Amino acid sequence: MTSWPRRQTVRHLVERRTGWILVVAAALVSACGGPAAPQRTDGGVPQQAAPQRTKVLNVGVTGSVPALSIAGGSSPVGGWVAMTEMHTDGLITADINAHRPVGRLAERVPSLDDGSISLLPDGRMKVVFNLRNGITWQDGVPFTADDLVFSYQIGGPGGLPTSANDAAEFMSSVEAPDPRTFVIYYREPYNLGAALGPLMFWPLPQHLLGDAYERFAASKNLDDLLKDPYWTTGYVNTGAFRLTSFDPGAGIDFQAYDGYYLGRPKIDIIHVRIFNDDATLLANILAGAVDLTPELALRQATGVPLQNQWKSSGEGTVFVADNAIR
């Protein structure tokens, strides 16, 4: 988990074309601090430190969150989608310090140089992902390449219609030669074929959704998939924080997953509060009730006045950066 500065909230405003990003910061370093040192008596004998307080982060988004994963869509409006990697890891993510892909569920990013990306004589492109060892779903069940094969079945062209999983439409087939190797065949060379974050290809647990998918495969009735509680109150995935409560109109709570393969997060609990409009969200930021707002939770009409107010008060910082063409 990334360390946050003191009283820090971060959010982005994104113009849809050649726009700019407005990043709002307001802070709480204690959420990611290390363990307290033991206290010492006058005689030099260490005593047990007082129990650490629970480290809580309050996040504000706007709109509603009707469902999670590919059942919930991928529109960035409102800010919820920007929080995806809080609860769900993909094969690849972005480096924290540079704009380049790095491995997440995968040990490393496939490349032509090491042969993990290859162009086949029939015009297809083959991409091989080697998975990290020791990954589990948030219920403790081991994560394997078979889960990714299942993810293609349920989230690919023959599965649940979704606005996410952009890469799946270019795939011709997938396979798992062993539990830690996942192979994708694309119909033709695809420039993003190795950059599979969760929104490009969403991992889904076969042990939780297998029965619902079998019912759907037999009936072709989407309700057999969408009525499963997995997409709301029963959500489990591969990220650092696991779902503990789900209210689509009020908020969603997450707790640090002790078995996370990259180490337990330093924040204990994340409350995602859902607001009807950005003016109400702004009021809660100014009141200190919200610590972080992701991109597109606030619009320019509320973000710019916040920037001006914080310039004079020093209570927070607004960072503005150019955004790419979309």
Protein backbone atom coordinates (compact mmCIF):
# COMPACT_ATOMS: atom_id res chain seq x y z
CA MET A 1 0.00 0.00 0.00
CA THR A 2 1.35 3.45 -0.90
CA SER A 3 2.13 5.75 2.03
CA TRP A 4 -0.07 8.84 2.13
CA PRO A 5 1.24 12.26 3.25
CA ARG A 6 -0.15 13.92 6.40
CA ARG A 7 -3.88 14.75 6.04
CA GLN A 8 -3.82 13.67 2.45
CA THR A 9 -6.70 13.13 0.03
CA VAL A 10 -6.02 12.52 -3.63
CA ARG A 11 -8.37 12.90 -6.58
CA HIS A 12 -8.26 13.53 -10.30
CA LEU A 13 -10.45 15.55 -12.62
CA VAL A 14 -10.17 14.31 -16.19
CA GLU A 15 -11.30 16.17 -19.29
CA ARG A 16 -12.47 13.61 -21.85
CA ARG A 17 -10.31 14.87 -24.74
CA THR A 18 -7.03 16.74 -24.46
CA GLY A 19 -7.69 17.65 -20.88
CA TRP A 20 -5.95 17.96 -17.58
CA ILE A 21 -5.94 16.10 -14.32
CA LEU A 22 -6.70 17.87 -11.04
CA VAL A 23 -5.26 16.02 -8.08
CA VAL A 24 -6.56 17.11 -4.69
CA ALA A 25 -4.56 16.25 -1.62
CA ALA A 26 -5.52 16.63 2.06
CA ALA A 27 -3.60 13.72 4.32
CA LEU A 28 -3.05 11.12 7.05
CA VAL A 29 0.33 9.64 7.45
CA SER A 30 -0.57 7.61 10.49
CA ALA A 31 -2.58 5.27 8.31
CA CYS A 32 0.59 3.72 6.94
CA GLY A 33 3.03 4.07 9.82
CA GLY A 34 5.15 1.20 11.09
CA PRO A 35 4.76 -0.52 14.45
CA ALA A 36 5.40 1.53 17.56
CA ALA A 37 8.68 0.94 19.36
CA PRO A 38 8.51 -0.73 22.81
CA GLN A 39 8.36 1.70 25.74
CA ARG A 40 11.20 1.62 28.31
CA THR A 41 11.08 2.12 32.04
CA ASP A 42 13.63 4.23 33.91
CA GLY A 43 15.53 1.01 34.61
CA GLY A 44 15.96 0.33 30.92
CA VAL A 45 13.56 -2.65 30.84
CA PRO A 46 11.35 -2.65 27.72
CA GLN A 47 7.63 -2.65 28.36
CA GLN A 48 4.86 -3.63 25.98
CA ALA A 49 3.73 -0.70 23.86
CA ALA A 50 0.10 0.35 23.98
CA PRO A 51 -2.09 -1.35 21.36
CA GLN A 52 -1.99 0.43 18.03
CA ARG A 53 -5.14 2.19 16.97
CA THR A 54 -7.04 0.96 13.93
CA LYS A 55 -5.89 2.82 10.82
CA VAL A 56 -8.89 3.92 8.78
CA LEU A 57 -9.12 5.64 5.41
CA ASN A 58 -12.36 7.35 4.33
CA VAL A 59 -12.83 7.57 0.57
CA GLY A 60 -15.53 9.60 -1.17
CA VAL A 61 -17.08 8.84 -4.56
CA THR A 62 -20.19 10.14 -6.33
CA GLY A 63 -23.04 8.38 -8.08
CA SER A 64 -23.83 4.75 -7.24
CA VAL A 65 -22.15 1.35 -7.27
CA PRO A 66 -24.80 -1.22 -8.28
CA ALA A 67 -22.38 -4.14 -8.55
CA LEU A 68 -18.69 -5.06 -8.51
CA SER A 69 -16.34 -6.52 -11.11
CA ILE A 70 -17.51 -6.94 -14.73
CA ALA A 71 -21.17 -6.84 -13.59
CA GLY A 72 -20.71 -3.22 -12.51
CA GLY A 73 -19.33 -1.70 -15.70
CA SER A 74 -16.19 0.37 -16.26
CA SER A 75 -17.30 4.01 -16.54
CA PRO A 76 -14.84 6.24 -14.63
CA VAL A 77 -17.49 8.86 -13.87
CA GLY A 78 -18.00 9.24 -10.13
CA GLY A 79 -14.57 7.90 -9.18
CA TRP A 80 -15.44 4.33 -8.18
CA VAL A 81 -13.59 2.59 -11.04
CA ALA A 82 -10.36 4.38 -10.09
CA MET A 83 -10.46 2.36 -6.83
CA THR A 84 -10.39 -1.03 -8.63
CA GLU A 85 -6.90 -2.07 -7.54
CA MET A 86 -7.84 -1.52 -3.91
CA HIS A 87 -9.83 -4.78 -4.00
CA THR A 88 -8.79 -6.50 -7.23
CA ASP A 89 -5.38 -7.16 -8.77
CA GLY A 90 -4.82 -7.86 -12.45
CA LEU A 91 -1.97 -9.65 -14.17
CA ILE A 92 -0.17 -6.33 -14.72
CA THR A 93 -0.22 -2.93 -13.02
CA ALA A 94 1.59 0.40 -13.42
CA ASP A 95 4.90 1.19 -11.75
CA ILE A 96 4.45 3.60 -8.86
CA ASN A 97 7.33 5.85 -9.95
CA ALA A 98 7.24 5.64 -13.75
CA HIS A 99 4.66 5.31 -16.49
CA ARG A 100 5.45 1.71 -17.39
CA PRO A 101 3.78 -1.67 -16.79
CA VAL A 102 5.07 -4.04 -14.11
CA GLY A 103 3.97 -7.52 -13.02
CA ARG A 104 1.30 -7.96 -10.34
CA LEU A 105 -0.36 -11.38 -10.40
CA ALA A 106 2.20 -12.12 -13.09
CA GLU A 107 5.86 -12.24 -12.05
CA ARG A 108 6.82 -9.90 -14.87
CA VAL A 109 5.48 -8.29 -18.03
CA PRO A 110 5.74 -10.61 -21.07
CA SER A 111 8.05 -9.41 -23.85
CA LEU A 112 9.38 -10.32 -27.27
CA ASP A 113 12.90 -10.26 -25.87
CA ASP A 114 12.44 -13.26 -23.56
CA GLY A 115 10.12 -15.16 -25.89
CA SER A 116 7.02 -14.84 -23.72
CA ILE A 117 5.45 -12.90 -26.59
CA SER A 118 5.68 -14.55 -29.99
CA LEU A 119 4.11 -14.11 -33.42
CA LEU A 120 2.87 -17.39 -34.86
CA PRO A 121 3.02 -18.44 -38.54
CA ASP A 122 -0.79 -18.26 -38.85
CA GLY A 123 -0.77 -14.57 -37.85
CA ARG A 124 -1.83 -15.01 -34.22
CA MET A 125 0.06 -13.58 -31.26
CA LYS A 126 0.89 -15.78 -28.25
CA VAL A 127 1.46 -14.22 -24.82
CA VAL A 128 2.65 -16.26 -21.83
CA PHE A 129 2.15 -15.00 -18.26
CA ASN A 130 4.10 -16.67 -15.45
CA LEU A 131 2.14 -16.24 -12.22
CA ARG A 132 3.59 -15.42 -8.81
CA ASN A 133 3.72 -18.16 -6.22
CA GLY A 134 1.54 -18.04 -3.10
CA ILE A 135 -1.39 -15.95 -4.39
CA THR A 136 -4.76 -16.67 -2.79
CA TRP A 137 -8.25 -15.37 -3.19
CA GLN A 138 -9.44 -13.33 -0.22
CA ASP A 139 -11.21 -16.41 1.22
CA GLY A 140 -7.87 -18.25 1.36
CA VAL A 141 -8.39 -20.53 -1.66
CA PRO A 142 -5.28 -20.75 -3.89
CA PHE A 143 -5.36 -18.71 -7.10
CA THR A 144 -4.24 -20.62 -10.23
CA ALA A 145 -4.08 -20.23 -13.99
CA ASP A 146 -7.27 -22.32 -14.21
CA ASP A 147 -9.09 -19.39 -12.63
CA LEU A 148 -7.91 -17.20 -15.50
CA VAL A 149 -9.14 -19.72 -18.07
CA PHE A 150 -12.50 -19.60 -16.28
CA SER A 151 -12.33 -15.78 -16.27
CA TYR A 152 -12.17 -15.85 -20.07
CA GLN A 153 -15.15 -18.21 -20.24
CA ILE A 154 -17.33 -16.02 -18.02
CA GLY A 155 -15.99 -12.61 -19.12
CA GLY A 156 -15.11 -13.30 -22.75
CA PRO A 157 -17.21 -13.14 -25.93
CA GLY A 158 -19.46 -16.04 -24.91
CA GLY A 159 -19.99 -14.91 -21.33
CA LEU A 160 -21.41 -11.95 -19.44
CA PRO A 161 -21.79 -8.82 -21.62
CA THR A 162 -19.64 -6.12 -20.05
CA SER A 163 -18.04 -2.77 -20.80
CA ALA A 164 -14.86 -4.00 -19.06
CA ASN A 165 -12.48 -6.76 -20.24
CA ASP A 166 -11.40 -4.81 -23.31
CA ALA A 167 -8.69 -7.30 -24.24
CA ALA A 168 -11.00 -10.31 -24.30
CA GLU A 169 -12.58 -9.33 -27.61
CA PHE A 170 -9.19 -9.70 -29.35
CA MET A 171 -8.49 -13.16 -27.89
CA SER A 172 -9.08 -16.36 -29.85
CA SER A 173 -8.36 -18.81 -27.02
CA VAL A 174 -6.58 -19.26 -23.67
CA GLU A 175 -5.00 -22.18 -21.85
CA ALA A 176 -3.34 -23.16 -18.56
CA PRO A 177 -0.57 -25.73 -19.18
CA ASP A 178 0.15 -25.73 -15.43
CA PRO A 179 -1.15 -23.91 -12.32
CA ARG A 180 1.31 -21.02 -12.66
CA THR A 181 1.30 -20.52 -16.44
CA PHE A 182 -1.45 -18.71 -18.33
CA VAL A 183 -1.31 -18.48 -22.12
CA ILE A 184 -3.37 -16.17 -24.32
CA TYR A 185 -3.70 -16.43 -28.09
CA TYR A 186 -4.78 -13.26 -29.87
CA ARG A 187 -6.28 -13.43 -33.35
CA GLU A 188 -3.62 -10.98 -34.57
CA PRO A 189 -0.89 -8.79 -33.04
CA TYR A 190 -2.41 -6.60 -30.32
CA ASN A 191 -0.38 -3.76 -28.85
CA LEU A 192 -1.96 -4.03 -25.37
CA GLY A 193 -1.90 -7.82 -25.26
CA ALA A 194 0.60 -7.96 -22.40
CA ALA A 195 -0.72 -4.97 -20.42
CA LEU A 196 -3.62 -6.70 -18.71
CA GLY A 197 -4.73 -4.82 -15.63
CA PRO A 198 -8.07 -5.83 -14.08
CA LEU A 199 -10.16 -3.57 -16.33
CA MET A 200 -8.54 -5.15 -19.38
CA PHE A 201 -8.98 -8.72 -18.13
CA TRP A 202 -10.76 -9.25 -14.80
CA PRO A 203 -9.75 -12.30 -12.69
CA LEU A 204 -12.78 -14.27 -11.43
CA PRO A 205 -12.84 -17.21 -8.96
CA GLN A 206 -14.02 -20.48 -10.43
CA HIS A 207 -14.74 -21.98 -7.00
CA LEU A 208 -17.31 -19.24 -6.27
CA LEU A 209 -18.84 -18.61 -9.70
CA GLY A 210 -18.50 -22.02 -11.36
CA ASP A 211 -22.01 -23.23 -10.48
CA ALA A 212 -23.65 -19.95 -11.57
CA TYR A 213 -21.75 -20.06 -14.86
CA GLU A 214 -22.86 -23.65 -15.50
CA ARG A 215 -26.48 -22.62 -15.01
CA PHE A 216 -26.00 -19.70 -17.39
CA ALA A 217 -24.25 -21.88 -19.98
CA ALA A 218 -27.21 -24.26 -19.95
CA SER A 219 -30.03 -21.67 -19.89
CA LYS A 220 -28.43 -18.64 -21.63
CA ASN A 221 -30.35 -16.60 -19.07
CA LEU A 222 -28.19 -13.77 -17.73
CA ASP A 223 -30.13 -13.75 -14.47
CA ASP A 224 -28.51 -17.08 -13.61
CA LEU A 225 -25.24 -15.13 -13.40
CA LEU A 226 -26.28 -11.68 -12.31
CA LYS A 227 -28.45 -12.77 -9.37
CA ASP A 228 -25.51 -14.48 -7.72
CA PRO A 229 -24.48 -12.58 -4.55
CA TYR A 230 -20.86 -12.72 -5.67
CA TRP A 231 -21.26 -9.45 -7.60
CA THR A 232 -22.40 -7.52 -4.51
CA THR A 233 -22.28 -8.77 -0.91
CA GLY A 234 -20.25 -11.91 -1.69
CA TYR A 235 -17.40 -10.32 -3.64
CA VAL A 236 -13.98 -11.97 -3.29
CA ASN A 237 -10.91 -11.24 -5.38
CA THR A 238 -7.12 -10.94 -5.34
CA GLY A 239 -6.49 -7.43 -4.01
CA ALA A 240 -5.12 -6.08 -0.75
CA PHE A 241 -8.53 -5.23 0.75
CA ARG A 242 -11.51 -7.59 1.01
CA LEU A 243 -15.15 -6.57 1.02
CA THR A 244 -16.89 -6.57 4.42
CA SER A 245 -20.15 -4.72 3.66
CA PHE A 246 -21.95 -3.50 0.55
CA ASP A 247 -24.69 -0.85 0.32
CA PRO A 248 -24.94 0.46 -3.27
CA GLY A 249 -26.54 3.72 -2.21
CA ALA A 250 -24.59 4.58 0.93
CA GLY A 251 -21.18 2.97 1.06
CA ILE A 252 -18.89 -0.04 0.83
CA ASP A 253 -16.44 -1.19 3.48
CA PHE A 254 -13.17 -3.08 3.04
CA GLN A 255 -10.71 -4.64 5.47
CA ALA A 256 -7.03 -5.40 5.01
CA TYR A 257 -6.52 -8.97 3.79
CA ASP A 258 -3.99 -10.64 6.08
CA GLY A 259 -3.07 -13.22 3.43
CA TYR A 260 -2.27 -10.74 0.67
CA TYR A 261 0.67 -12.12 -1.33
CA LEU A 262 2.58 -8.80 -1.31
CA GLY A 263 2.22 -8.38 2.47
CA ARG A 264 -0.56 -7.11 4.70
CA PRO A 265 -1.57 -3.50 3.95
CA LYS A 266 -0.62 -0.88 6.53
CA ILE A 267 -4.14 0.58 6.50
CA ASP A 268 -6.67 -1.60 8.34
CA ILE A 269 -10.06 -0.44 7.08
CA ILE A 270 -11.27 1.56 4.08
CA HIS A 271 -14.75 3.10 4.12
CA VAL A 272 -15.95 4.10 0.65
CA ARG A 273 -18.74 6.64 1.13
CA ILE A 274 -21.11 7.25 -1.78
CA PHE A 275 -22.47 10.79 -2.27
CA ASN A 276 -25.32 11.89 -4.53
CA ASP A 277 -23.41 14.86 -5.94
CA ASP A 278 -19.97 16.41 -5.91
CA ALA A 279 -21.11 19.46 -3.90
CA THR A 280 -21.96 17.19 -0.96
CA LEU A 281 -18.69 15.35 -1.40
CA LEU A 282 -16.81 18.66 -1.42
CA ALA A 283 -18.50 19.70 1.84
CA ASN A 284 -17.38 16.45 3.46
CA ILE A 285 -13.80 16.94 2.24
CA LEU A 286 -13.71 20.42 3.75
CA ALA A 287 -15.17 19.06 7.00
CA GLY A 288 -12.43 16.41 7.21
CA ALA A 289 -14.90 13.52 6.92
CA VAL A 290 -13.33 12.29 3.66
CA ASP A 291 -9.60 11.60 3.33
CA LEU A 292 -9.34 10.67 -0.34
CA THR A 293 -11.36 11.17 -3.52
CA PRO A 294 -10.30 9.43 -6.76
CA GLU A 295 -10.44 10.85 -10.25
CA LEU A 296 -13.79 12.06 -11.61
CA ALA A 297 -15.44 12.08 -8.18
CA LEU A 298 -15.34 15.88 -8.29
CA ARG A 299 -15.80 18.02 -11.38
CA GLN A 300 -13.98 21.18 -12.42
CA ALA A 301 -16.74 23.39 -10.96
CA THR A 302 -16.02 22.08 -7.45
CA GLY A 303 -12.37 21.11 -7.78
CA VAL A 304 -11.04 24.50 -8.87
CA PRO A 305 -12.67 26.43 -5.97
CA LEU A 306 -11.20 23.84 -3.62
CA GLN A 307 -7.78 24.46 -5.14
CA ASN A 308 -8.16 28.22 -4.60
CA GLN A 309 -9.35 27.81 -1.01
CA TRP A 310 -6.51 25.49 -0.06
CA LYS A 311 -3.89 27.79 -1.59
CA SER A 312 -4.73 30.36 1.07
CA SER A 313 -5.59 28.07 3.99
CA GLY A 314 -2.82 25.49 3.58
CA GLU A 315 -5.22 22.70 4.62
CA GLY A 316 -4.51 20.67 1.51
CA THR A 317 -2.91 20.77 -1.91
CA VAL A 318 -4.30 20.52 -5.43
CA PHE A 319 -1.93 19.22 -8.10
CA VAL A 320 -2.79 19.84 -11.76
CA ALA A 321 -1.21 17.80 -14.55
CA ASP A 322 -1.83 17.45 -18.29
CA ASN A 323 -3.90 14.43 -19.23
CA ALA A 324 -3.52 12.21 -22.28
CA ILE A 325 -5.89 12.24 -25.24
CA ARG A 326 -8.69 9.69 -24.82
